[in-house]
């Protein structure tokens, strides 16, 4: 009989791995969130359409609806598509033994250095897609677990970036060593907040290319 993989809560991860959750104005996160961007005419048309659809339907969307009708377009607008070196992975299971504890989780969207379907060096994790009242799963814990796995796989001491979504609210997260920081929420049905979400994701690509790639 296959042994069931334990699903850790955020509190359990903090306790087991001696983590520290810092305030959302921590320097690394604050610097990442200090982002602005502009859209061209075609991008603006896509932006306006998904903003309208999301404001109208997000409360009724299931997880897959949210992915196909909204998340996919945000990734496109954020210019997070992969290339020859950097790959994007959806629903990718990653695992590692960290400080004697076996961790395994599925990341909803991941940016990593990789070959074909092999993810070698994870840089960014996107977790959640949970409805406001979804009782199943803890996207914060799943994201931190993915961060711990990435640290173990990368072994380069560089920070890990990511975000998670609960309903209409987006949260950005950074992790350096044992410390991680969660941003305030951004409402993707609000024009200014959605524009800022895209700006922050675009800035991650710059951070990736200038600071994280070996």
N, C-alpha and C. Protein backbone atom coordinates (compact mmCIF):
# COMPACT_ATOMS: atom_id res chain seq x y z
N UNK A 1 0.85 -1.19 0.00
CA UNK A 1 0.00 0.00 0.00
C UNK A 1 0.88 1.24 0.00
N UNK A 2 0.58 2.19 -0.94
CA UNK A 2 1.40 3.38 -1.05
C UNK A 2 1.18 4.30 0.15
N UNK A 3 2.29 4.76 0.72
CA UNK A 3 2.21 5.64 1.87
C UNK A 3 1.73 7.02 1.46
N UNK A 4 0.76 7.54 2.18
CA UNK A 4 0.21 8.85 1.88
C UNK A 4 1.20 9.93 2.27
N UNK A 5 1.40 10.91 1.38
CA UNK A 5 2.30 12.01 1.65
C UNK A 5 1.61 13.00 2.57
N UNK A 6 2.27 13.37 3.65
CA UNK A 6 1.68 14.29 4.61
C UNK A 6 1.55 15.68 4.02
N UNK A 7 0.39 16.30 4.23
CA UNK A 7 0.17 17.68 3.84
C UNK A 7 0.38 18.57 5.07
N UNK A 8 1.42 19.35 5.05
CA UNK A 8 1.76 20.18 6.19
C UNK A 8 0.96 21.47 6.19
N UNK A 9 0.66 21.97 7.38
CA UNK A 9 0.09 23.31 7.50
C UNK A 9 1.23 24.32 7.55
N UNK A 10 0.91 25.60 7.38
CA UNK A 10 1.94 26.63 7.46
C UNK A 10 2.61 26.61 8.84
N UNK A 11 1.81 26.47 9.89
CA UNK A 11 2.37 26.45 11.24
C UNK A 11 3.32 25.28 11.44
N UNK A 12 2.97 24.11 10.90
CA UNK A 12 3.84 22.93 11.03
C UNK A 12 5.17 23.16 10.32
N UNK A 13 5.12 23.78 9.14
CA UNK A 13 6.36 24.05 8.40
C UNK A 13 7.24 25.04 9.16
N UNK A 14 6.63 26.05 9.76
CA UNK A 14 7.39 27.00 10.57
C UNK A 14 8.07 26.28 11.73
N UNK A 15 7.33 25.39 12.38
CA UNK A 15 7.84 24.68 13.54
C UNK A 15 8.94 23.69 13.17
N UNK A 16 8.69 22.88 12.16
CA UNK A 16 9.62 21.82 11.79
C UNK A 16 10.93 22.38 11.23
N UNK A 17 10.83 23.40 10.38
CA UNK A 17 12.02 23.90 9.68
C UNK A 17 12.54 25.21 10.27
N UNK A 18 12.00 25.61 11.42
CA UNK A 18 12.45 26.81 12.14
C UNK A 18 12.42 28.04 11.22
N UNK A 19 11.28 28.23 10.55
CA UNK A 19 11.11 29.34 9.64
C UNK A 19 10.64 30.59 10.38
N UNK A 20 10.79 31.71 9.72
CA UNK A 20 10.32 32.98 10.28
C UNK A 20 9.50 33.70 9.22
N UNK A 21 8.26 34.06 9.57
CA UNK A 21 7.42 34.83 8.67
C UNK A 21 7.58 36.31 9.05
N UNK A 22 8.15 37.09 8.13
CA UNK A 22 8.44 38.49 8.41
C UNK A 22 7.30 39.38 7.90
N UNK A 23 7.36 40.66 8.26
CA UNK A 23 6.33 41.60 7.85
C UNK A 23 6.38 41.84 6.35
N UNK A 24 5.21 42.28 5.79
CA UNK A 24 5.15 42.39 4.33
C UNK A 24 5.91 43.58 3.77
N UNK A 25 6.56 44.38 4.62
CA UNK A 25 7.41 45.45 4.11
C UNK A 25 8.90 45.08 4.19
N UNK A 26 9.19 43.78 4.27
CA UNK A 26 10.59 43.32 4.26
C UNK A 26 11.26 43.79 2.96
N UNK A 27 12.57 44.15 3.01
CA UNK A 27 13.23 44.79 1.86
C UNK A 27 13.11 44.05 0.55
N UNK A 28 13.33 42.73 0.54
CA UNK A 28 13.30 41.99 -0.72
C UNK A 28 11.92 42.05 -1.36
N UNK A 29 10.89 41.81 -0.57
CA UNK A 29 9.53 41.85 -1.12
C UNK A 29 9.14 43.27 -1.51
N UNK A 30 9.49 44.22 -0.67
CA UNK A 30 9.15 45.62 -0.95
C UNK A 30 9.77 46.07 -2.27
N UNK A 31 11.02 45.68 -2.50
CA UNK A 31 11.71 46.05 -3.74
C UNK A 31 11.03 45.40 -4.94
N UNK A 32 10.58 44.15 -4.79
CA UNK A 32 9.90 43.46 -5.90
C UNK A 32 8.56 44.14 -6.21
N UNK A 33 7.84 44.51 -5.18
CA UNK A 33 6.51 45.09 -5.38
C UNK A 33 6.56 46.53 -5.91
N UNK A 34 7.72 47.14 -5.86
CA UNK A 34 7.87 48.50 -6.37
C UNK A 34 8.04 48.41 -7.89
N UNK A 35 6.92 48.24 -8.58
CA UNK A 35 6.96 47.97 -10.01
C UNK A 35 5.85 48.73 -10.72
N UNK A 36 6.17 49.17 -11.94
CA UNK A 36 5.19 49.83 -12.80
C UNK A 36 5.35 49.28 -14.21
N UNK A 37 4.29 49.37 -15.00
CA UNK A 37 4.38 48.90 -16.37
C UNK A 37 3.36 49.62 -17.23
N UNK A 38 3.51 49.47 -18.53
CA UNK A 38 2.54 50.01 -19.49
C UNK A 38 2.17 48.90 -20.47
N UNK A 39 0.97 48.97 -21.00
CA UNK A 39 0.48 47.99 -21.96
C UNK A 39 0.36 48.63 -23.34
N UNK A 40 0.69 47.85 -24.38
CA UNK A 40 0.43 48.35 -25.72
C UNK A 40 -1.06 48.18 -26.05
N UNK A 41 -1.48 48.60 -27.22
CA UNK A 41 -2.90 48.60 -27.56
C UNK A 41 -3.50 47.20 -27.52
N UNK A 42 -2.80 46.22 -28.07
CA UNK A 42 -3.32 44.85 -28.07
C UNK A 42 -3.40 44.29 -26.65
N UNK A 43 -2.35 44.56 -25.86
CA UNK A 43 -2.35 44.10 -24.48
C UNK A 43 -3.46 44.76 -23.68
N UNK A 44 -3.70 46.04 -23.94
CA UNK A 44 -4.76 46.75 -23.23
C UNK A 44 -6.13 46.16 -23.53
N UNK A 45 -6.34 45.76 -24.77
CA UNK A 45 -7.62 45.15 -25.14
C UNK A 45 -7.82 43.83 -24.41
N UNK A 46 -6.76 43.01 -24.32
CA UNK A 46 -6.83 41.75 -23.57
C UNK A 46 -7.07 42.03 -22.10
N UNK A 47 -6.36 43.00 -21.56
CA UNK A 47 -6.51 43.38 -20.15
C UNK A 47 -7.95 43.78 -19.85
N UNK A 48 -8.51 44.64 -20.66
CA UNK A 48 -9.87 45.12 -20.43
C UNK A 48 -10.87 43.97 -20.47
N UNK A 49 -10.65 43.03 -21.39
CA UNK A 49 -11.58 41.91 -21.52
C UNK A 49 -11.53 40.98 -20.32
N UNK A 50 -10.32 40.62 -19.88
CA UNK A 50 -10.24 39.69 -18.75
C UNK A 50 -10.68 40.37 -17.45
N UNK A 51 -10.43 41.67 -17.34
CA UNK A 51 -10.90 42.39 -16.15
C UNK A 51 -12.42 42.37 -16.09
N UNK A 52 -13.05 42.62 -17.22
CA UNK A 52 -14.52 42.59 -17.28
C UNK A 52 -15.05 41.20 -16.95
N UNK A 53 -14.48 40.18 -17.57
CA UNK A 53 -14.97 38.81 -17.35
C UNK A 53 -14.75 38.37 -15.90
N UNK A 54 -13.60 38.74 -15.35
CA UNK A 54 -13.30 38.32 -13.98
C UNK A 54 -14.23 38.99 -12.98
N UNK A 55 -14.47 40.28 -13.17
CA UNK A 55 -15.38 40.98 -12.27
C UNK A 55 -16.78 40.39 -12.33
N UNK A 56 -17.17 39.91 -13.50
CA UNK A 56 -18.51 39.35 -13.69
C UNK A 56 -18.65 37.93 -13.15
N UNK A 57 -17.62 37.10 -13.35
CA UNK A 57 -17.81 35.66 -13.19
C UNK A 57 -16.92 34.99 -12.15
N UNK A 58 -15.96 35.68 -11.55
CA UNK A 58 -14.98 34.99 -10.71
C UNK A 58 -15.62 34.24 -9.55
N UNK A 59 -16.69 34.76 -8.99
CA UNK A 59 -17.32 34.09 -7.85
C UNK A 59 -17.94 32.75 -8.23
N UNK A 60 -18.23 32.57 -9.52
CA UNK A 60 -18.84 31.33 -9.99
C UNK A 60 -17.83 30.36 -10.60
N UNK A 61 -16.63 30.85 -10.92
CA UNK A 61 -15.65 30.00 -11.58
C UNK A 61 -15.10 28.92 -10.64
N UNK A 62 -14.97 27.72 -11.17
CA UNK A 62 -14.22 26.67 -10.50
C UNK A 62 -12.74 26.89 -10.83
N UNK A 63 -11.88 26.06 -10.22
CA UNK A 63 -10.44 26.24 -10.39
C UNK A 63 -10.00 26.23 -11.85
N UNK A 64 -10.48 25.27 -12.62
CA UNK A 64 -10.08 25.17 -14.02
C UNK A 64 -10.60 26.35 -14.82
N UNK A 65 -11.81 26.83 -14.49
CA UNK A 65 -12.34 28.02 -15.17
C UNK A 65 -11.43 29.21 -14.94
N UNK A 66 -10.99 29.38 -13.70
CA UNK A 66 -10.11 30.49 -13.36
C UNK A 66 -8.79 30.39 -14.12
N UNK A 67 -8.25 29.19 -14.20
CA UNK A 67 -6.99 29.00 -14.91
C UNK A 67 -7.12 29.38 -16.39
N UNK A 68 -8.16 28.85 -17.05
CA UNK A 68 -8.30 29.01 -18.49
C UNK A 68 -8.77 30.41 -18.87
N UNK A 69 -9.67 30.98 -18.09
CA UNK A 69 -10.28 32.26 -18.44
C UNK A 69 -9.51 33.48 -17.94
N UNK A 70 -8.60 33.26 -16.99
CA UNK A 70 -7.94 34.42 -16.40
C UNK A 70 -6.44 34.22 -16.22
N UNK A 71 -6.05 33.19 -15.45
CA UNK A 71 -4.63 33.00 -15.12
C UNK A 71 -3.77 32.92 -16.38
N UNK A 72 -4.23 32.18 -17.37
CA UNK A 72 -3.45 32.00 -18.60
C UNK A 72 -3.18 33.34 -19.28
N UNK A 73 -4.15 34.24 -19.26
CA UNK A 73 -3.98 35.54 -19.90
C UNK A 73 -3.07 36.45 -19.08
N UNK A 74 -3.14 36.34 -17.77
CA UNK A 74 -2.24 37.12 -16.92
C UNK A 74 -0.79 36.72 -17.18
N UNK A 75 -0.54 35.42 -17.28
CA UNK A 75 0.82 34.93 -17.57
C UNK A 75 1.30 35.46 -18.91
N UNK A 76 0.39 35.49 -19.89
CA UNK A 76 0.74 36.02 -21.21
C UNK A 76 1.07 37.51 -21.13
N UNK A 77 0.22 38.28 -20.46
CA UNK A 77 0.46 39.72 -20.32
C UNK A 77 1.72 40.02 -19.52
N UNK A 78 2.08 39.11 -18.62
CA UNK A 78 3.26 39.30 -17.79
C UNK A 78 4.55 38.89 -18.48
N UNK A 79 4.45 38.36 -19.71
CA UNK A 79 5.62 37.95 -20.49
C UNK A 79 6.41 36.85 -19.79
N UNK A 80 5.69 35.91 -19.19
CA UNK A 80 6.36 34.83 -18.47
C UNK A 80 6.51 33.55 -19.29
N UNK A 81 6.35 33.66 -20.58
CA UNK A 81 6.52 32.48 -21.41
C UNK A 81 7.98 32.01 -21.36
N UNK A 82 8.18 30.72 -21.56
CA UNK A 82 9.53 30.15 -21.48
C UNK A 82 10.33 30.37 -22.75
N UNK A 83 11.59 29.93 -22.72
CA UNK A 83 12.46 30.00 -23.89
C UNK A 83 13.33 28.75 -23.92
N UNK A 84 14.46 28.82 -24.61
CA UNK A 84 15.29 27.62 -24.74
C UNK A 84 15.87 27.17 -23.40
N UNK A 85 16.08 28.09 -22.49
CA UNK A 85 16.71 27.78 -21.21
C UNK A 85 15.71 27.69 -20.07
N UNK A 86 14.79 28.63 -20.04
CA UNK A 86 13.81 28.71 -18.95
C UNK A 86 12.50 28.10 -19.42
N UNK A 87 11.99 27.17 -18.63
CA UNK A 87 10.76 26.48 -18.97
C UNK A 87 9.65 26.88 -18.02
N UNK A 88 8.42 26.82 -18.52
CA UNK A 88 7.25 27.00 -17.66
C UNK A 88 6.55 25.65 -17.54
N UNK A 89 6.15 25.32 -16.33
CA UNK A 89 5.53 24.02 -16.04
C UNK A 89 4.19 24.25 -15.34
N UNK A 90 3.20 23.49 -15.75
CA UNK A 90 1.89 23.53 -15.11
C UNK A 90 1.63 22.19 -14.42
N UNK A 91 1.05 22.26 -13.22
CA UNK A 91 0.70 21.04 -12.47
C UNK A 91 1.91 20.10 -12.35
N UNK A 92 3.04 20.66 -11.98
CA UNK A 92 4.27 19.89 -11.89
C UNK A 92 4.50 19.44 -10.44
N UNK A 93 4.70 18.14 -10.25
CA UNK A 93 5.01 17.61 -8.92
C UNK A 93 6.51 17.67 -8.69
N UNK A 94 6.90 18.23 -7.55
CA UNK A 94 8.32 18.31 -7.19
C UNK A 94 8.50 17.72 -5.80
N UNK A 95 9.69 17.21 -5.53
CA UNK A 95 9.94 16.55 -4.24
C UNK A 95 11.41 16.64 -3.88
N UNK A 96 11.67 16.55 -2.58
CA UNK A 96 13.04 16.54 -2.07
C UNK A 96 13.00 16.18 -0.60
N UNK A 97 14.10 15.71 -0.08
CA UNK A 97 14.24 15.48 1.36
C UNK A 97 14.97 16.69 1.94
N UNK A 98 14.29 17.39 2.85
CA UNK A 98 14.82 18.62 3.44
C UNK A 98 14.97 18.41 4.94
N UNK A 99 16.19 18.51 5.42
CA UNK A 99 16.48 18.33 6.86
C UNK A 99 15.86 17.03 7.40
N UNK A 100 15.94 15.98 6.59
CA UNK A 100 15.45 14.68 7.01
C UNK A 100 13.96 14.46 6.82
N UNK A 101 13.25 15.43 6.27
CA UNK A 101 11.81 15.31 6.04
C UNK A 101 11.53 15.25 4.55
N UNK A 102 10.78 14.25 4.13
CA UNK A 102 10.44 14.11 2.71
C UNK A 102 9.28 15.03 2.38
N UNK A 103 9.49 15.93 1.43
CA UNK A 103 8.46 16.87 1.00
C UNK A 103 8.10 16.60 -0.46
N UNK A 104 6.83 16.67 -0.74
CA UNK A 104 6.35 16.47 -2.11
C UNK A 104 5.08 17.28 -2.29
N UNK A 105 5.06 18.09 -3.33
CA UNK A 105 3.87 18.92 -3.57
C UNK A 105 3.73 19.16 -5.06
N UNK A 106 2.54 19.54 -5.47
CA UNK A 106 2.28 19.88 -6.87
C UNK A 106 2.17 21.39 -6.98
N UNK A 107 3.00 21.98 -7.81
CA UNK A 107 2.97 23.42 -8.03
C UNK A 107 2.10 23.69 -9.24
N UNK A 108 1.16 24.61 -9.11
CA UNK A 108 0.22 24.88 -10.20
C UNK A 108 0.89 25.50 -11.41
N UNK A 109 1.87 26.36 -11.17
CA UNK A 109 2.65 26.96 -12.26
C UNK A 109 4.04 27.22 -11.73
N UNK A 110 5.04 26.85 -12.49
CA UNK A 110 6.42 26.99 -12.03
C UNK A 110 7.30 27.46 -13.17
N UNK A 111 8.24 28.33 -12.85
CA UNK A 111 9.27 28.75 -13.80
C UNK A 111 10.59 28.17 -13.31
N UNK A 112 11.26 27.44 -14.19
CA UNK A 112 12.49 26.76 -13.79
C UNK A 112 13.41 26.58 -14.97
N UNK A 113 14.69 26.47 -14.67
CA UNK A 113 15.62 26.01 -15.69
C UNK A 113 15.35 24.54 -15.90
N UNK A 114 15.22 24.11 -17.15
CA UNK A 114 14.88 22.71 -17.36
C UNK A 114 15.16 22.22 -18.76
N UNK A 115 14.98 20.92 -18.94
CA UNK A 115 15.16 20.27 -20.23
C UNK A 115 13.89 19.47 -20.50
N UNK A 116 13.19 19.81 -21.58
CA UNK A 116 11.91 19.16 -21.91
C UNK A 116 10.99 19.20 -20.69
N UNK A 117 10.62 18.02 -20.14
CA UNK A 117 9.72 18.02 -18.98
C UNK A 117 10.46 17.90 -17.65
N UNK A 118 11.80 18.04 -17.69
CA UNK A 118 12.61 17.93 -16.48
C UNK A 118 12.88 19.32 -15.92
N UNK A 119 12.37 19.60 -14.71
CA UNK A 119 12.62 20.87 -14.03
C UNK A 119 13.87 20.72 -13.17
N UNK A 120 14.89 21.54 -13.43
CA UNK A 120 16.16 21.37 -12.72
C UNK A 120 16.37 22.42 -11.64
N UNK A 121 16.15 23.68 -11.95
CA UNK A 121 16.39 24.76 -10.98
C UNK A 121 15.14 25.63 -10.90
N UNK A 122 14.31 25.44 -9.91
CA UNK A 122 13.07 26.24 -9.79
C UNK A 122 13.34 27.65 -9.28
N UNK A 123 12.69 28.63 -9.91
CA UNK A 123 12.88 30.02 -9.51
C UNK A 123 11.59 30.66 -9.01
N UNK A 124 10.47 30.22 -9.52
CA UNK A 124 9.20 30.90 -9.22
C UNK A 124 8.09 29.85 -9.14
N UNK A 125 7.23 29.99 -8.12
CA UNK A 125 6.11 29.08 -7.94
C UNK A 125 4.81 29.86 -7.80
N UNK A 126 3.80 29.33 -8.42
CA UNK A 126 2.47 29.94 -8.38
C UNK A 126 1.53 28.88 -7.82
N UNK A 127 0.87 29.21 -6.74
CA UNK A 127 0.08 28.20 -6.04
C UNK A 127 -1.32 28.72 -5.73
N UNK A 128 -2.24 27.81 -5.68
CA UNK A 128 -3.56 28.19 -5.16
C UNK A 128 -4.69 27.97 -6.10
N UNK A 129 -5.11 29.04 -6.75
CA UNK A 129 -6.33 29.02 -7.55
C UNK A 129 -7.51 28.55 -6.70
N UNK A 130 -7.47 28.81 -5.40
CA UNK A 130 -8.53 28.35 -4.51
C UNK A 130 -9.68 29.35 -4.50
N UNK A 131 -10.90 28.83 -4.43
CA UNK A 131 -12.06 29.69 -4.25
C UNK A 131 -12.05 30.24 -2.83
N UNK A 132 -12.79 31.34 -2.63
CA UNK A 132 -12.78 32.01 -1.33
C UNK A 132 -13.09 31.07 -0.18
N UNK A 133 -14.00 30.13 -0.39
CA UNK A 133 -14.43 29.26 0.69
C UNK A 133 -14.07 27.80 0.43
N UNK A 134 -13.03 27.58 -0.34
CA UNK A 134 -12.58 26.22 -0.64
C UNK A 134 -11.96 25.61 0.61
N UNK A 135 -12.52 24.51 1.13
CA UNK A 135 -11.98 23.93 2.36
C UNK A 135 -10.78 23.03 2.12
N UNK A 136 -10.45 22.78 0.87
CA UNK A 136 -9.40 21.81 0.56
C UNK A 136 -8.09 22.51 0.21
N UNK A 137 -7.08 22.21 0.98
CA UNK A 137 -5.75 22.71 0.65
C UNK A 137 -5.43 24.04 1.30
N UNK A 138 -4.16 24.26 1.54
CA UNK A 138 -3.66 25.49 2.12
C UNK A 138 -2.61 26.02 1.16
N UNK A 139 -2.96 27.00 0.31
CA UNK A 139 -2.02 27.44 -0.72
C UNK A 139 -0.75 28.06 -0.15
N UNK A 140 -0.82 28.70 1.03
CA UNK A 140 0.39 29.26 1.64
C UNK A 140 1.35 28.14 2.00
N UNK A 141 0.85 27.12 2.68
CA UNK A 141 1.70 25.99 3.07
C UNK A 141 2.25 25.27 1.84
N UNK A 142 1.43 25.10 0.82
CA UNK A 142 1.89 24.43 -0.39
C UNK A 142 2.99 25.24 -1.06
N UNK A 143 2.85 26.57 -1.04
CA UNK A 143 3.86 27.42 -1.66
C UNK A 143 5.17 27.37 -0.87
N UNK A 144 5.10 27.45 0.45
CA UNK A 144 6.31 27.40 1.28
C UNK A 144 6.98 26.04 1.14
N UNK A 145 6.19 24.99 1.05
CA UNK A 145 6.76 23.66 0.84
C UNK A 145 7.51 23.61 -0.49
N UNK A 146 6.92 24.20 -1.53
CA UNK A 146 7.59 24.25 -2.83
C UNK A 146 8.88 25.07 -2.74
N UNK A 147 8.87 26.14 -1.96
CA UNK A 147 10.08 26.94 -1.77
C UNK A 147 11.19 26.12 -1.10
N UNK A 148 10.83 25.37 -0.07
CA UNK A 148 11.82 24.54 0.63
C UNK A 148 12.42 23.50 -0.31
N UNK A 149 11.58 22.90 -1.13
CA UNK A 149 12.06 21.92 -2.10
C UNK A 149 13.00 22.59 -3.10
N UNK A 150 12.62 23.79 -3.56
CA UNK A 150 13.46 24.52 -4.51
C UNK A 150 14.82 24.86 -3.91
N UNK A 151 14.82 25.30 -2.65
CA UNK A 151 16.10 25.60 -2.00
C UNK A 151 17.00 24.37 -1.96
N UNK A 152 16.41 23.22 -1.65
CA UNK A 152 17.18 21.98 -1.56
C UNK A 152 17.72 21.58 -2.93
N UNK A 153 16.92 21.76 -3.96
CA UNK A 153 17.34 21.37 -5.31
C UNK A 153 18.38 22.34 -5.87
N UNK A 154 18.19 23.64 -5.60
CA UNK A 154 19.07 24.64 -6.19
C UNK A 154 20.42 24.73 -5.49
N UNK A 155 20.39 24.71 -4.16
CA UNK A 155 21.61 24.79 -3.35
C UNK A 155 22.52 25.96 -3.77
N UNK A 156 21.90 27.12 -4.02
CA UNK A 156 22.70 28.28 -4.42
C UNK A 156 22.51 29.49 -3.51
N UNK A 157 21.67 29.37 -2.48
CA UNK A 157 21.49 30.45 -1.53
C UNK A 157 20.71 31.65 -2.05
N UNK A 158 20.23 31.57 -3.27
CA UNK A 158 19.50 32.70 -3.84
C UNK A 158 18.02 32.66 -3.41
N UNK A 159 17.38 33.83 -3.36
CA UNK A 159 15.98 33.86 -2.93
C UNK A 159 15.04 33.16 -3.91
N UNK A 160 13.90 32.76 -3.39
CA UNK A 160 12.85 32.14 -4.20
C UNK A 160 11.65 33.08 -4.21
N UNK A 161 11.00 33.17 -5.35
CA UNK A 161 9.86 34.08 -5.52
C UNK A 161 8.61 33.27 -5.87
N UNK A 162 7.45 33.83 -5.53
CA UNK A 162 6.22 33.16 -5.92
C UNK A 162 4.99 33.96 -5.52
N UNK A 163 3.83 33.38 -5.79
CA UNK A 163 2.59 34.00 -5.36
C UNK A 163 1.52 32.93 -5.24
N UNK A 164 0.47 33.28 -4.53
CA UNK A 164 -0.67 32.37 -4.43
C UNK A 164 -1.95 33.17 -4.57
N UNK A 165 -3.01 32.46 -4.95
CA UNK A 165 -4.29 33.09 -5.24
C UNK A 165 -5.38 32.41 -4.43
N UNK A 166 -6.19 33.23 -3.79
CA UNK A 166 -7.40 32.73 -3.12
C UNK A 166 -8.56 33.56 -3.65
N UNK A 167 -9.38 32.95 -4.49
CA UNK A 167 -10.48 33.69 -5.10
C UNK A 167 -9.95 34.84 -5.94
N UNK A 168 -10.37 36.06 -5.61
CA UNK A 168 -9.95 37.24 -6.37
C UNK A 168 -8.66 37.85 -5.83
N UNK A 169 -8.15 37.34 -4.73
CA UNK A 169 -7.03 37.98 -4.05
C UNK A 169 -5.70 37.28 -4.35
N UNK A 170 -4.73 38.08 -4.74
CA UNK A 170 -3.38 37.62 -5.04
C UNK A 170 -2.42 38.07 -3.94
N UNK A 171 -1.48 37.19 -3.58
CA UNK A 171 -0.48 37.49 -2.57
C UNK A 171 0.89 37.11 -3.13
N UNK A 172 1.86 38.00 -3.01
CA UNK A 172 3.21 37.73 -3.48
C UNK A 172 4.09 37.35 -2.29
N UNK A 173 5.03 36.42 -2.53
CA UNK A 173 5.82 35.86 -1.45
C UNK A 173 7.28 35.74 -1.89
N UNK A 174 8.18 36.10 -0.99
CA UNK A 174 9.61 35.88 -1.22
C UNK A 174 10.17 35.07 -0.05
N UNK A 175 11.24 34.34 -0.31
CA UNK A 175 11.88 33.56 0.75
C UNK A 175 13.38 33.61 0.58
N UNK A 176 14.08 33.99 1.65
CA UNK A 176 15.53 33.98 1.72
C UNK A 176 15.94 33.18 2.94
N UNK A 177 16.69 32.13 2.73
CA UNK A 177 17.09 31.30 3.86
C UNK A 177 15.88 30.76 4.59
N UNK A 178 15.80 31.03 5.87
CA UNK A 178 14.69 30.55 6.70
C UNK A 178 13.57 31.57 6.84
N UNK A 179 13.71 32.72 6.21
CA UNK A 179 12.72 33.78 6.37
C UNK A 179 11.89 33.94 5.09
N UNK A 180 10.58 34.08 5.27
CA UNK A 180 9.72 34.35 4.12
C UNK A 180 8.77 35.48 4.47
N UNK A 181 8.26 36.11 3.43
CA UNK A 181 7.45 37.31 3.59
C UNK A 181 6.27 37.25 2.63
N UNK A 182 5.08 37.55 3.13
CA UNK A 182 3.86 37.52 2.35
C UNK A 182 3.32 38.94 2.20
N UNK A 183 2.98 39.34 1.00
CA UNK A 183 2.50 40.69 0.74
C UNK A 183 1.06 40.87 1.23
N UNK A 184 0.61 42.10 1.20
CA UNK A 184 -0.81 42.38 1.35
C UNK A 184 -1.54 41.82 0.14
N UNK A 185 -2.85 41.78 0.17
CA UNK A 185 -3.62 41.22 -0.93
C UNK A 185 -3.81 42.23 -2.05
N UNK A 186 -3.89 41.73 -3.28
CA UNK A 186 -4.22 42.53 -4.44
C UNK A 186 -5.47 41.93 -5.09
N UNK A 187 -6.49 42.75 -5.29
CA UNK A 187 -7.78 42.31 -5.82
C UNK A 187 -7.74 42.36 -7.34
N UNK A 188 -7.76 41.18 -7.98
CA UNK A 188 -7.62 41.13 -9.43
C UNK A 188 -8.86 41.63 -10.17
N UNK A 189 -9.95 41.95 -9.47
CA UNK A 189 -11.11 42.55 -10.13
C UNK A 189 -11.05 44.08 -10.10
N UNK A 190 -9.99 44.62 -9.49
CA UNK A 190 -9.78 46.07 -9.43
C UNK A 190 -8.76 46.46 -10.50
N UNK A 191 -9.06 47.50 -11.26
CA UNK A 191 -8.20 47.89 -12.39
C UNK A 191 -6.76 48.14 -11.93
N UNK A 192 -6.59 49.00 -10.92
CA UNK A 192 -5.24 49.36 -10.49
C UNK A 192 -4.49 48.16 -9.91
N UNK A 193 -5.19 47.32 -9.15
CA UNK A 193 -4.54 46.15 -8.56
C UNK A 193 -4.13 45.15 -9.63
N UNK A 194 -4.98 44.93 -10.63
CA UNK A 194 -4.63 43.99 -11.69
C UNK A 194 -3.44 44.51 -12.50
N UNK A 195 -3.42 45.80 -12.76
CA UNK A 195 -2.28 46.36 -13.47
C UNK A 195 -1.00 46.17 -12.64
N UNK A 196 -1.12 46.32 -11.32
CA UNK A 196 0.06 46.15 -10.46
C UNK A 196 0.50 44.69 -10.43
N UNK A 197 -0.44 43.76 -10.42
CA UNK A 197 -0.11 42.33 -10.47
C UNK A 197 0.74 42.03 -11.70
N UNK A 198 0.33 42.56 -12.84
CA UNK A 198 1.06 42.33 -14.09
C UNK A 198 2.44 42.98 -14.02
N UNK A 199 2.51 44.18 -13.45
CA UNK A 199 3.79 44.87 -13.33
C UNK A 199 4.76 44.09 -12.46
N UNK A 200 4.28 43.55 -11.35
CA UNK A 200 5.13 42.78 -10.43
C UNK A 200 5.63 41.51 -11.11
N UNK A 201 4.76 40.83 -11.83
CA UNK A 201 5.18 39.62 -12.53
C UNK A 201 6.18 39.93 -13.64
N UNK A 202 6.00 41.03 -14.33
CA UNK A 202 6.98 41.44 -15.34
C UNK A 202 8.33 41.75 -14.69
N UNK A 203 8.28 42.37 -13.53
CA UNK A 203 9.53 42.69 -12.84
C UNK A 203 10.25 41.41 -12.42
N UNK A 204 9.49 40.37 -12.07
CA UNK A 204 10.16 39.12 -11.72
C UNK A 204 11.01 38.62 -12.88
N UNK A 205 10.51 38.74 -14.10
CA UNK A 205 11.29 38.27 -15.24
C UNK A 205 12.62 39.02 -15.32
N UNK A 206 12.61 40.32 -15.03
CA UNK A 206 13.86 41.08 -15.01
C UNK A 206 14.77 40.59 -13.90
N UNK A 207 14.18 40.35 -12.71
CA UNK A 207 14.97 39.83 -11.58
C UNK A 207 15.58 38.48 -11.94
N UNK A 208 14.79 37.63 -12.58
CA UNK A 208 15.28 36.31 -12.99
C UNK A 208 16.48 36.42 -13.90
N UNK A 209 16.35 37.27 -14.90
CA UNK A 209 17.41 37.36 -15.93
C UNK A 209 18.66 38.03 -15.41
N UNK A 210 18.54 38.92 -14.44
CA UNK A 210 19.70 39.69 -13.99
C UNK A 210 20.32 39.20 -12.68
N UNK A 211 19.55 38.43 -11.86
CA UNK A 211 20.05 38.07 -10.54
C UNK A 211 20.04 36.58 -10.23
N UNK A 212 19.11 35.85 -10.83
CA UNK A 212 18.91 34.47 -10.40
C UNK A 212 19.57 33.43 -11.29
N UNK A 213 19.67 33.73 -12.57
CA UNK A 213 20.26 32.74 -13.47
C UNK A 213 21.75 32.60 -13.22
N UNK A 214 22.20 31.36 -13.21
CA UNK A 214 23.63 31.09 -13.01
C UNK A 214 24.39 31.21 -14.32
